[in-house]
Amino acid sequence: MVCEALESVLQQTRPPREIIVVDDGSQDDTPARLAAYGDRIRVIRQEQPQGVSAARNRGIAAATGEWLAFLDSDDLWRPDKLARQCAALREHPEYLVCYSDEEWRRHGNWMNQGKKHRKYSGWIYPRCLPLCIISPSSILLHRNVFAQAGLFDEGLPACEDYDLWLRITWQFPVLFLPERLIIKQAGDWPQLSQQHSLDRYRIIALQKMLTVAALSETDRAATRDMLMQKCRIYALGCRKHGSETEAAWAETVRQKIDF
């Protein structure tokens, strides 16, 4: 799959200046497959798996360009992805962050997106509170954004993108390009969203926003409300499945929310 993803980058009508592939401790023939691309790509291998956040952060540190884009190994870029985003950013130089719409496929079959996944332009922080509406594979952003908002949180095994988009969108407006410029694929292979209880890590991200960020009163109130809601839902779900310790943790977080 990483080779399919890589081919979609190499086939861009507006080629990137550099392509960095971070191999996070693969145990298959990925190194040999990547070696076949020669000097068209730069491979960074982490011998021991460190997680998606560490892999992305390693790529950010190694990149030499001012603008950065990401592609997960099970996603694909459409051929004009970078060209369309670069053109949009030239037309709107006030933006340092651009993301696009996406096409969802499972086992190759097209899937509908729900209304909750609708995407927006501008100051979209409140829109990002319920769930992650920005796909990492769709984003193109200036590296100065990381200097101000920070990198991916390597302590989060999941929802690391949700966490980062919250830290970015309260500080920066984002440009949404309503074109399906990436393909998000799902199938029988392991995916982070299927391996973790996502609301647990959304709760942690929301806690961070209340304790670290100098939010406006409106955004702070919206963050508190969402945190209360997610704690309640997560506690109910944990108790339903017999996870009393996790339920108690969520209820404790809820009780400590500073009003």
Protein backbone atom coordinates (compact mmCIF):
# COMPACT_ATOMS: atom_id res chain seq x y z
CA MET A 1 0.00 0.00 0.00
CA VAL A 2 2.85 2.41 0.72
CA CYS A 3 4.01 1.98 -2.88
CA GLU A 4 0.52 2.82 -4.18
CA ALA A 5 0.50 5.92 -1.99
CA LEU A 6 3.97 6.86 -3.18
CA GLU A 7 3.01 6.45 -6.83
CA SER A 8 0.15 8.90 -6.30
CA VAL A 9 2.71 11.47 -5.12
CA LEU A 10 5.10 10.82 -7.99
CA GLN A 11 2.25 11.29 -10.48
CA GLN A 12 1.38 14.80 -9.27
CA THR A 13 0.94 17.39 -12.01
CA ARG A 14 2.71 19.80 -9.66
CA PRO A 15 5.52 17.61 -8.25
CA PRO A 16 6.73 18.22 -4.70
CA ARG A 17 10.27 19.48 -4.17
CA GLU A 18 11.10 16.49 -1.97
CA ILE A 19 9.45 13.25 -0.89
CA ILE A 20 10.28 11.81 2.52
CA VAL A 21 9.06 8.34 3.50
CA VAL A 22 9.26 7.50 7.20
CA ASP A 23 9.35 3.74 7.77
CA ASP A 24 8.17 3.25 11.33
CA GLY A 25 9.80 -0.10 12.05
CA SER A 26 8.11 -2.17 9.34
CA GLN A 27 8.60 -5.95 9.56
CA ASP A 28 7.83 -6.81 5.93
CA ASP A 29 9.59 -6.04 2.66
CA THR A 30 8.90 -2.31 2.78
CA PRO A 31 12.62 -1.33 2.81
CA ALA A 32 13.28 -3.35 -0.35
CA ARG A 33 10.20 -1.95 -2.07
CA LEU A 34 11.24 1.61 -1.23
CA ALA A 35 14.85 1.03 -2.32
CA ALA A 36 13.59 0.50 -5.86
CA TYR A 37 12.66 4.21 -6.06
CA GLY A 38 16.30 5.23 -5.72
CA ASP A 39 17.02 8.92 -5.25
CA ARG A 40 13.48 9.98 -6.17
CA ILE A 41 12.63 9.65 -2.47
CA ARG A 42 14.40 9.96 0.86
CA VAL A 43 13.73 7.13 3.29
CA ILE A 44 14.05 7.53 7.05
CA ARG A 45 13.78 4.29 8.97
CA GLN A 46 12.94 4.00 12.64
CA GLU A 47 14.09 0.51 13.65
CA GLN A 48 11.60 0.33 16.52
CA PRO A 49 8.01 1.46 15.91
CA GLN A 50 7.41 4.80 17.63
CA GLY A 51 3.92 5.59 16.38
CA VAL A 52 2.37 7.82 13.76
CA SER A 53 3.04 11.08 15.61
CA ALA A 54 6.75 10.39 16.00
CA ALA A 55 6.96 9.35 12.35
CA ARG A 56 5.28 12.55 11.13
CA ASN A 57 7.38 14.70 13.44
CA ARG A 58 10.52 13.02 12.15
CA GLY A 59 9.45 13.88 8.61
CA ILE A 60 8.70 17.49 9.54
CA ALA A 61 12.16 17.87 11.08
CA ALA A 62 13.84 16.40 8.00
CA ALA A 63 11.89 18.44 5.44
CA THR A 64 13.65 21.45 3.91
CA GLY A 65 10.69 23.21 2.32
CA GLU A 66 8.48 25.95 3.74
CA TRP A 67 5.24 24.15 2.85
CA LEU A 68 4.52 20.60 4.01
CA ALA A 69 1.97 17.97 3.10
CA PHE A 70 1.32 14.51 4.51
CA LEU A 71 0.09 11.22 3.11
CA ASP A 72 -0.82 8.17 5.16
CA SER A 73 0.24 4.87 3.63
CA ASP A 74 -3.36 3.70 3.07
CA ASP A 75 -4.51 6.93 1.37
CA LEU A 76 -3.99 8.28 -2.15
CA TRP A 77 -3.59 11.73 -3.68
CA ARG A 78 -5.41 12.57 -6.90
CA PRO A 79 -2.98 13.79 -9.61
CA ASP A 80 -3.85 17.49 -9.26
CA LYS A 81 -3.96 17.58 -5.45
CA LEU A 82 -0.88 19.73 -4.90
CA ALA A 83 -1.51 21.89 -7.98
CA ARG A 84 -5.02 22.79 -6.90
CA GLN A 85 -3.99 23.59 -3.34
CA CYS A 86 -1.00 25.68 -4.39
CA ALA A 87 -3.22 27.65 -6.76
CA ALA A 88 -5.81 28.21 -4.03
CA LEU A 89 -3.16 29.45 -1.59
CA ARG A 90 -1.76 31.84 -4.21
CA GLU A 91 -5.26 33.26 -4.62
CA HIS A 92 -5.69 33.54 -0.83
CA PRO A 93 -2.26 34.45 0.60
CA GLU A 94 -3.81 35.29 3.97
CA TYR A 95 -4.08 31.55 4.69
CA LEU A 96 -1.22 29.35 5.91
CA VAL A 97 -3.32 26.16 6.07
CA CYS A 98 -5.34 24.50 3.30
CA TYR A 99 -7.23 21.22 3.28
CA SER A 100 -9.51 19.53 0.78
CA ASP A 101 -12.54 17.33 0.55
CA GLU A 102 -12.00 13.59 0.26
CA GLU A 103 -13.43 10.46 -1.28
CA TRP A 104 -14.01 7.46 0.97
CA ARG A 105 -13.63 3.90 -0.28
CA ARG A 106 -13.93 0.55 1.47
CA HIS A 107 -12.59 -2.47 -0.42
CA GLY A 108 -12.62 -0.22 -3.49
CA ASN A 109 -16.30 0.71 -3.18
CA TRP A 110 -17.40 4.32 -2.78
CA MET A 111 -18.83 5.28 0.62
CA ASN A 112 -21.10 8.16 1.59
CA GLN A 113 -19.95 10.71 4.15
CA GLY A 114 -22.33 11.74 6.92
CA LYS A 115 -23.38 15.34 7.56
CA LYS A 116 -21.18 15.40 10.65
CA HIS A 117 -18.13 15.22 8.37
CA ARG A 118 -19.03 18.44 6.50
CA LYS A 119 -16.04 20.74 6.13
CA TYR A 120 -15.63 24.51 6.39
CA SER A 121 -13.29 27.44 5.72
CA GLY A 122 -12.23 30.24 8.04
CA TRP A 123 -12.04 30.20 11.82
CA ILE A 124 -13.35 26.66 12.25
CA TYR A 125 -12.24 25.77 15.79
CA PRO A 126 -15.82 25.18 17.06
CA ARG A 127 -16.48 22.96 14.02
CA CYS A 128 -13.48 20.78 14.95
CA LEU A 129 -14.61 20.06 18.51
CA PRO A 130 -17.03 17.16 17.87
CA LEU A 131 -14.66 15.10 15.69
CA CYS A 132 -11.75 15.34 13.28
CA ILE A 133 -12.97 16.89 10.02
CA ILE A 134 -9.49 17.47 8.57
CA SER A 135 -7.69 14.49 7.09
CA PRO A 136 -3.89 14.62 7.54
CA SER A 137 -3.55 13.38 3.97
CA SER A 138 -5.46 16.40 2.65
CA ILE A 139 -3.60 19.19 4.40
CA LEU A 140 -0.98 21.58 3.03
CA LEU A 141 0.45 24.07 5.52
CA HIS A 142 3.34 26.41 6.15
CA ARG A 143 5.96 25.22 8.62
CA ASN A 144 5.50 28.43 10.67
CA VAL A 145 2.19 26.96 11.78
CA PHE A 146 4.07 24.22 13.63
CA ALA A 147 6.36 26.80 15.21
CA GLN A 148 3.33 28.42 16.82
CA ALA A 149 0.94 25.49 17.38
CA GLY A 150 3.46 22.72 18.11
CA LEU A 151 3.94 19.31 16.53
CA PHE A 152 1.95 16.08 16.74
CA ASP A 153 1.64 14.86 20.34
CA GLU A 154 3.73 11.68 20.54
CA GLY A 155 2.00 10.70 23.78
CA LEU A 156 -1.31 10.09 21.99
CA PRO A 157 -1.69 6.67 20.32
CA ALA A 158 -4.77 7.94 18.44
CA CYS A 159 -6.59 11.24 17.77
CA GLU A 160 -3.22 12.92 17.41
CA ASP A 161 -4.57 14.71 14.34
CA TYR A 162 -7.70 15.88 16.20
CA ASP A 163 -5.43 17.24 18.94
CA LEU A 164 -3.20 19.13 16.50
CA TRP A 165 -6.08 20.58 14.46
CA LEU A 166 -7.59 21.99 17.65
CA ARG A 167 -4.29 23.68 18.49
CA ILE A 168 -4.02 25.02 14.94
CA THR A 169 -7.60 26.14 14.25
CA TRP A 170 -7.95 28.34 17.32
CA GLN A 171 -4.86 30.26 16.18
CA PHE A 172 -5.16 30.18 12.38
CA PRO A 173 -7.96 30.42 9.82
CA VAL A 174 -7.94 27.52 7.38
CA LEU A 175 -8.84 27.39 3.71
CA PHE A 176 -11.13 24.55 2.63
CA LEU A 177 -11.00 23.46 -1.00
CA PRO A 178 -14.32 21.68 -1.77
CA GLU A 179 -12.78 19.21 -4.19
CA ARG A 180 -12.18 15.51 -3.53
CA LEU A 181 -8.42 15.60 -3.95
CA ILE A 182 -7.60 12.54 -1.85
CA ILE A 183 -8.94 9.01 -1.52
CA LYS A 184 -9.22 7.57 1.97
CA GLN A 185 -9.22 3.79 1.87
CA ALA A 186 -10.50 1.26 4.37
CA GLY A 187 -10.30 -2.51 4.33
CA ASP A 188 -9.13 -5.49 6.35
CA TRP A 189 -5.79 -3.97 7.37
CA PRO A 190 -5.32 -2.53 10.91
CA GLN A 191 -6.22 1.14 11.32
CA LEU A 192 -5.67 3.35 14.37
CA SER A 193 -9.34 4.38 14.41
CA GLN A 194 -10.30 0.73 14.90
CA GLN A 195 -7.72 -0.06 17.60
CA HIS A 196 -8.50 2.59 20.22
CA SER A 197 -11.44 4.14 22.04
CA LEU A 198 -11.20 7.46 20.24
CA ASP A 199 -13.27 9.50 22.69
CA ARG A 200 -10.74 8.79 25.44
CA TYR A 201 -8.06 10.63 23.50
CA ARG A 202 -10.44 13.36 22.38
CA ILE A 203 -11.14 13.97 26.07
CA ILE A 204 -7.40 14.32 26.73
CA ALA A 205 -7.05 16.74 23.79
CA LEU A 206 -9.97 18.86 25.03
CA GLN A 207 -8.47 18.94 28.53
CA LYS A 208 -5.25 20.27 27.04
CA MET A 209 -7.11 23.03 25.24
CA LEU A 210 -8.69 24.22 28.49
CA THR A 211 -5.44 24.18 30.46
CA VAL A 212 -2.97 25.46 27.88
CA ALA A 213 -4.70 27.58 25.27
CA ALA A 214 -5.65 31.22 25.77
CA LEU A 215 -9.06 30.63 24.25
CA SER A 216 -11.70 33.28 23.80
CA GLU A 217 -14.60 33.01 26.21
CA THR A 218 -16.83 31.73 23.42
CA ASP A 219 -14.37 29.03 22.37
CA ARG A 220 -13.67 28.13 26.00
CA ALA A 221 -17.36 27.64 26.70
CA ALA A 222 -17.76 25.49 23.58
CA THR A 223 -14.72 23.41 24.60
CA ARG A 224 -16.10 22.88 28.12
CA ASP A 225 -19.48 21.84 26.75
CA MET A 226 -17.91 19.35 24.34
CA LEU A 227 -15.66 17.94 27.06
CA MET A 228 -18.64 17.44 29.36
CA GLN A 229 -20.54 15.70 26.58
CA LYS A 230 -17.70 13.38 25.60
CA CYS A 231 -16.97 12.45 29.23
CA ARG A 232 -20.62 11.54 29.77
CA ILE A 233 -20.87 9.47 26.58
CA TYR A 234 -17.54 7.73 27.17
CA ALA A 235 -18.45 6.87 30.79
CA LEU A 236 -21.80 5.42 29.71
CA GLY A 237 -20.16 3.32 27.00
CA CYS A 238 -17.44 2.04 29.34
CA ARG A 239 -19.95 1.07 32.01
CA LYS A 240 -22.09 -0.70 29.41
CA HIS A 241 -19.08 -2.83 28.47
CA GLY A 242 -17.98 -3.47 32.04
CA SER A 243 -15.02 -1.06 32.09
CA GLU A 244 -15.68 0.50 35.47
CA THR A 245 -12.17 1.95 35.85
CA GLU A 246 -12.41 3.83 32.58
CA ALA A 247 -15.93 5.01 33.39
CA ALA A 248 -14.72 6.33 36.74
CA TRP A 249 -11.83 8.13 35.02
CA ALA A 250 -14.19 9.91 32.61
CA GLU A 251 -16.53 10.90 35.42
CA THR A 252 -13.62 12.27 37.45
CA VAL A 253 -12.50 14.39 34.50
CA ARG A 254 -16.06 15.67 34.13
CA GLN A 255 -16.30 16.61 37.78
CA LYS A 256 -13.03 18.55 37.63
CA ILE A 257 -13.99 20.75 34.71
CA ASP A 258 -13.48 24.34 35.82
CA PHE A 259 -16.55 26.47 35.23
